[in-house]
Amino acid sequence: GGSEELGDGLDKPLENDAEGVWSPDIEQSFQEALAIYPPCGRRKIILSDEGKMYGRNELIASDPRRMLEYSAFMEVQRDLDNYSKHLFVHIGQTNPSYSDPLLEAVDIRQIYDKFPEKKGGLKELFDNGPHNTFFLVKFWADLSVNLQDDSNFFYGVSSQYESSENMIITSSTKVCSFGKQVVEKVETEYARFENGRYVFRIHRSPLCEYMINFIHKLKHLPEKYMMNSVLENFTILQVLTNRDTLETLLCIAYVFEVSTSEHGAQHHIYRLVKD
């Protein structure tokens, strides 16, 4: 199971009504992001072009564990046995090996200001290590979907990991706007032993109300450059820890643009280093 709570000193629980989640300060940051296009004073991280990404099989792995899948999707039931699914973002391993020396490196200091910087933030996590567990994912999200009548839509996230060790993992997902945490979702997962490995599955975890609202707000913007201007200041930090030892197993920083590809959602994976 999981729990959701609003961060940054707001101690009220996450309400389900959209108004409670999409607060005036979130609306303000959304409008600010639009107002500063192109981003002035904020350094734009230049990461590889979207078109080059198609068909690459990159891996988030820190031996003895790795991510097998990560996807955020919307699903609608057309009739009794006909489901339609749209992937906003997706990482899937078709034929993974355990080492991928091809990952480019990005200096983690480039992205410190895009994530929470206080206690428990990205810098402190990296300083505590181990360093080979830190990754950056650039997503080109596929927003080419009609959300007009979404009353019977299901918005969810599925992810899958495996390890050679049996443990209980805690998955923390922090949604950040202008580097400040807006929402955190914490889930606990137990392993299943399959084919000699321990597999952890977070299956169809419901997307929080804030994210659903955010996707709708993005979709209402008339131009892709406007969407990208907002996304420039929107990030997600996912941290997997061993529940009992508190060791960091994987730390993945996500940054976003809108996909312009006919192939749908794209991604590129980097190792985070400090040179």
Protein backbone atom coordinates (compact mmCIF):
# COMPACT_ATOMS: atom_id res chain seq x y z
CA GLY A 1 0.00 0.00 0.00
CA GLY A 2 1.07 3.63 -0.10
CA SER A 3 0.39 6.95 1.49
CA GLU A 4 0.41 10.41 0.01
CA GLU A 5 1.14 13.62 1.77
CA LEU A 6 1.83 17.20 0.86
CA GLY A 7 5.34 18.30 1.61
CA ASP A 8 7.00 21.58 2.53
CA GLY A 9 5.42 22.06 5.94
CA LEU A 10 1.83 21.53 4.86
CA ASP A 11 0.63 18.97 7.34
CA LYS A 12 -2.91 18.59 6.09
CA PRO A 13 -3.61 15.28 4.34
CA LEU A 14 -3.84 15.08 0.58
CA GLU A 15 -7.48 15.70 -0.23
CA ASN A 16 -9.18 14.18 -3.21
CA ASP A 17 -10.93 17.32 -4.37
CA ALA A 18 -9.00 18.95 -7.17
CA GLU A 19 -9.20 22.41 -5.59
CA GLY A 20 -7.40 21.26 -2.49
CA VAL A 21 -4.58 19.79 -4.51
CA TRP A 22 -4.26 22.46 -7.18
CA SER A 23 -3.67 25.30 -4.73
CA PRO A 24 -3.18 28.98 -5.65
CA ASP A 25 0.60 28.77 -5.20
CA ILE A 26 0.78 25.80 -7.58
CA GLU A 27 -1.29 27.77 -10.10
CA GLN A 28 1.09 30.71 -9.61
CA SER A 29 4.17 28.58 -10.26
CA PHE A 30 2.49 27.18 -13.36
CA GLN A 31 1.85 30.72 -14.64
CA GLU A 32 5.38 31.82 -13.67
CA ALA A 33 6.81 29.01 -15.73
CA LEU A 34 4.84 30.24 -18.72
CA ALA A 35 5.86 33.84 -18.14
CA ILE A 36 9.61 33.19 -18.21
CA TYR A 37 9.83 31.52 -21.60
CA PRO A 38 12.58 31.28 -22.63
CA PRO A 39 13.79 30.47 -19.11
CA CYS A 40 15.78 33.52 -18.08
CA GLY A 41 18.29 33.11 -15.31
CA ARG A 42 17.61 29.38 -15.18
CA ARG A 43 20.09 27.25 -17.03
CA LYS A 44 18.48 24.87 -19.48
CA ILE A 45 20.07 21.44 -19.36
CA ILE A 46 20.94 20.46 -22.89
CA LEU A 47 20.46 16.73 -23.15
CA SER A 48 20.54 14.59 -26.26
CA ASP A 49 18.04 15.17 -29.05
CA GLU A 50 14.82 13.23 -28.95
CA GLY A 51 15.13 11.68 -32.39
CA LYS A 52 18.34 9.84 -31.57
CA MET A 53 16.70 7.93 -28.77
CA TYR A 54 14.40 5.63 -30.66
CA GLY A 55 15.30 1.96 -30.38
CA ARG A 56 18.06 2.35 -27.81
CA ASN A 57 18.04 -0.18 -25.02
CA GLU A 58 19.53 1.56 -22.01
CA LEU A 59 19.52 0.20 -18.52
CA ILE A 60 19.08 1.56 -15.01
CA ALA A 61 21.20 -0.95 -13.14
CA SER A 62 23.41 -0.89 -10.10
CA ASP A 63 24.56 -4.44 -9.57
CA PRO A 64 22.97 -6.44 -7.96
CA ARG A 65 19.71 -4.64 -8.78
CA ARG A 66 18.06 -2.94 -11.72
CA MET A 67 14.86 -1.33 -12.96
CA LEU A 68 12.98 -3.46 -15.49
CA GLU A 69 10.06 -1.19 -16.26
CA TYR A 70 8.61 2.22 -15.55
CA SER A 71 5.49 3.59 -17.18
CA ALA A 72 2.88 6.25 -16.53
CA PHE A 73 -0.32 5.63 -18.44
CA MET A 74 -3.98 6.39 -18.92
CA GLU A 75 -6.44 3.58 -19.48
CA VAL A 76 -10.06 3.68 -20.55
CA GLN A 77 -12.51 0.78 -20.74
CA ARG A 78 -14.33 0.98 -24.07
CA ASP A 79 -16.59 -1.98 -23.32
CA LEU A 80 -16.53 -5.18 -21.26
CA ASP A 81 -13.27 -6.63 -22.57
CA ASN A 82 -11.84 -3.80 -24.61
CA TYR A 83 -9.31 -1.57 -22.85
CA SER A 84 -7.48 1.27 -24.52
CA LYS A 85 -4.15 2.28 -22.96
CA HIS A 86 -2.04 5.36 -23.64
CA LEU A 87 1.55 5.58 -22.38
CA PHE A 88 2.63 9.07 -21.30
CA VAL A 89 6.16 7.84 -20.51
CA HIS A 90 7.68 4.39 -20.66
CA ILE A 91 10.93 2.56 -19.95
CA GLY A 92 10.95 -1.13 -20.75
CA GLN A 93 13.76 -3.65 -20.91
CA THR A 94 13.40 -6.13 -23.73
CA ASN A 95 16.74 -7.87 -23.40
CA PRO A 96 18.57 -6.42 -20.42
CA SER A 97 22.10 -7.32 -19.41
CA TYR A 98 23.63 -6.41 -16.07
CA SER A 99 26.10 -3.80 -17.15
CA ASP A 100 25.63 -0.97 -19.58
CA PRO A 101 28.86 0.96 -20.08
CA LEU A 102 27.22 3.10 -22.77
CA LEU A 103 25.40 5.48 -20.44
CA GLU A 104 26.57 9.06 -20.77
CA ALA A 105 27.45 10.87 -17.55
CA VAL A 106 25.90 14.11 -16.33
CA ASP A 107 27.37 16.11 -13.44
CA ILE A 108 24.80 15.96 -10.66
CA ARG A 109 25.58 19.57 -9.68
CA GLN A 110 23.87 20.66 -12.91
CA ILE A 111 20.51 19.54 -11.55
CA TYR A 112 20.74 20.28 -7.82
CA ASP A 113 18.49 23.33 -8.13
CA LYS A 114 15.77 21.31 -9.85
CA PHE A 115 15.21 19.11 -6.79
CA PRO A 116 14.72 19.63 -3.05
CA GLU A 117 17.96 20.88 -1.52
CA LYS A 118 17.24 20.68 2.17
CA LYS A 119 17.66 17.65 4.44
CA GLY A 120 17.04 14.43 2.55
CA GLY A 121 17.47 16.25 -0.76
CA LEU A 122 19.39 15.11 -3.80
CA LYS A 123 22.75 16.52 -2.68
CA GLU A 124 22.61 14.84 0.73
CA LEU A 125 21.49 11.56 -0.83
CA PHE A 126 24.38 11.62 -3.30
CA ASP A 127 26.92 12.56 -0.63
CA ASN A 128 25.77 9.56 1.41
CA GLY A 129 26.07 7.28 -1.63
CA PRO A 130 26.61 4.76 -3.01
CA HIS A 131 27.28 6.86 -6.12
CA ASN A 132 26.67 4.10 -8.66
CA THR A 133 22.95 4.07 -7.78
CA PHE A 134 22.18 7.57 -9.15
CA PHE A 135 20.61 8.09 -12.57
CA LEU A 136 18.99 10.85 -14.61
CA VAL A 137 16.16 10.08 -17.04
CA LYS A 138 15.11 12.58 -19.69
CA PHE A 139 11.58 11.76 -20.82
CA TRP A 140 9.90 13.04 -23.94
CA ALA A 141 6.29 12.52 -22.85
CA ASP A 142 3.57 11.55 -25.31
CA LEU A 143 0.64 13.90 -24.76
CA SER A 144 -1.10 13.09 -28.05
CA VAL A 145 -4.26 11.80 -26.42
CA ASN A 146 -7.78 13.16 -26.06
CA LEU A 147 -8.68 13.85 -22.43
CA GLN A 148 -12.05 15.50 -23.07
CA ASP A 149 -14.26 12.89 -21.42
CA ASP A 150 -12.02 11.27 -18.86
CA SER A 151 -14.57 10.48 -16.16
CA ASN A 152 -14.01 6.74 -16.61
CA PHE A 153 -10.27 6.97 -17.25
CA PHE A 154 -7.74 5.36 -14.93
CA TYR A 155 -4.41 7.16 -14.53
CA GLY A 156 -1.65 4.99 -13.11
CA VAL A 157 2.03 4.20 -12.77
CA SER A 158 3.55 0.73 -12.97
CA SER A 159 7.16 -0.13 -12.26
CA GLN A 160 9.21 -3.25 -11.76
CA TYR A 161 12.62 -3.91 -10.25
CA GLU A 162 14.73 -6.94 -9.50
CA SER A 163 17.57 -7.81 -7.16
CA SER A 164 19.74 -10.77 -6.28
CA GLU A 165 18.96 -10.11 -2.61
CA ASN A 166 15.71 -10.56 -0.73
CA MET A 167 14.62 -7.38 1.06
CA ILE A 168 11.69 -5.06 1.67
CA ILE A 169 11.95 -1.86 -0.37
CA THR A 170 10.49 1.58 0.23
CA SER A 171 9.76 3.61 -2.89
CA SER A 172 9.47 7.38 -2.46
CA THR A 173 8.30 9.48 -5.41
CA LYS A 174 8.53 13.25 -4.98
CA VAL A 175 6.89 15.58 -7.49
CA CYS A 176 8.71 18.93 -7.57
CA SER A 177 7.87 22.35 -8.97
CA PHE A 178 10.71 24.92 -9.21
CA GLY A 179 12.80 22.55 -7.11
CA LYS A 180 10.29 22.43 -4.24
CA GLN A 181 8.46 19.25 -3.27
CA VAL A 182 4.72 19.43 -3.96
CA VAL A 183 3.57 15.86 -3.36
CA GLU A 184 5.29 12.72 -2.07
CA LYS A 185 4.02 9.18 -2.48
CA VAL A 186 5.59 6.43 -0.38
CA GLU A 187 5.02 2.74 -1.12
CA THR A 188 6.39 -0.42 0.47
CA GLU A 189 7.05 -3.48 -1.67
CA TYR A 190 7.87 -7.09 -0.85
CA ALA A 191 9.82 -9.38 -3.18
CA ARG A 192 8.62 -12.38 -5.15
CA PHE A 193 11.20 -15.00 -6.06
CA GLU A 194 11.15 -15.65 -9.83
CA ASN A 195 13.76 -17.36 -12.01
CA GLY A 196 16.47 -17.06 -9.40
CA ARG A 197 15.91 -13.33 -8.79
CA TYR A 198 13.83 -11.28 -6.37
CA VAL A 199 11.27 -9.21 -8.27
CA PHE A 200 9.45 -6.13 -6.95
CA ARG A 201 6.34 -4.92 -8.75
CA ILE A 202 4.44 -1.70 -8.15
CA HIS A 203 1.41 -2.42 -10.32
CA ARG A 204 -1.16 0.17 -11.40
CA SER A 205 -0.43 2.60 -8.59
CA PRO A 206 -3.02 5.38 -9.00
CA LEU A 207 -1.63 8.70 -10.19
CA CYS A 208 -2.20 11.39 -7.58
CA GLU A 209 -4.78 14.11 -8.15
CA TYR A 210 -2.07 16.77 -8.54
CA MET A 211 -0.50 14.91 -11.47
CA ILE A 212 -3.83 14.36 -13.22
CA ASN A 213 -4.58 18.08 -12.89
CA PHE A 214 -1.08 18.90 -14.11
CA ILE A 215 -1.51 16.78 -17.26
CA HIS A 216 -4.85 18.49 -17.97
CA LYS A 217 -3.33 21.94 -17.49
CA LEU A 218 -0.50 21.05 -19.87
CA LYS A 219 -2.91 19.74 -22.48
CA HIS A 220 -4.80 23.03 -22.44
CA LEU A 221 -1.73 25.01 -23.48
CA PRO A 222 -1.92 25.80 -27.20
CA GLU A 223 1.78 25.39 -28.10
CA LYS A 224 4.39 22.74 -27.36
CA TYR A 225 7.01 25.35 -26.47
CA MET A 226 4.67 26.54 -23.70
CA MET A 227 4.33 22.98 -22.40
CA ASN A 228 8.11 22.61 -22.44
CA SER A 229 8.51 25.92 -20.61
CA VAL A 230 6.32 24.58 -17.79
CA LEU A 231 8.04 21.19 -17.84
CA GLU A 232 11.42 22.92 -17.55
CA ASN A 233 10.48 23.63 -13.93
CA PHE A 234 8.79 20.30 -13.20
CA THR A 235 10.75 17.26 -12.00
CA ILE A 236 10.25 13.96 -10.21
CA LEU A 237 12.68 12.31 -7.80
CA GLN A 238 12.29 8.60 -7.13
CA VAL A 239 14.29 6.93 -4.37
CA LEU A 240 14.27 3.21 -3.63
CA THR A 241 15.68 2.27 -0.23
CA ASN A 242 16.14 -0.91 1.73
CA ARG A 243 13.46 -0.51 4.40
CA ASP A 244 15.54 -2.15 7.12
CA THR A 245 19.05 -0.80 6.46
CA LEU A 246 17.92 2.53 4.85
CA GLU A 247 20.57 2.02 2.15
CA THR A 248 19.84 3.82 -1.12
CA LEU A 249 19.23 1.15 -3.78
CA LEU A 250 18.36 3.37 -6.75
CA CYS A 251 17.88 7.13 -7.03
CA ILE A 252 16.37 8.34 -10.30
CA ALA A 253 15.88 12.00 -11.23
CA TYR A 254 13.33 12.58 -14.00
CA VAL A 255 13.17 15.64 -16.27
CA PHE A 256 10.65 16.15 -19.05
CA GLU A 257 9.84 17.59 -22.46
CA VAL A 258 6.92 16.92 -24.80
CA SER A 259 7.51 14.32 -27.48
CA THR A 260 7.35 15.40 -31.11
CA SER A 261 8.09 11.89 -32.39
CA GLU A 262 5.73 9.66 -34.29
CA HIS A 263 7.13 6.83 -32.17
CA GLY A 264 5.41 8.17 -29.03
CA ALA A 265 7.16 8.50 -25.70
CA GLN A 266 10.97 8.55 -25.77
CA HIS A 267 13.64 8.53 -23.08
CA HIS A 268 17.36 8.74 -22.53
CA ILE A 269 19.19 7.53 -19.42
CA TYR A 270 22.33 9.07 -17.90
CA ARG A 271 24.59 8.20 -14.99
CA LEU A 272 24.81 10.97 -12.39
CA VAL A 273 28.37 11.69 -11.32
CA LYS A 274 30.33 14.39 -9.53
CA ASP A 275 33.58 14.97 -11.39
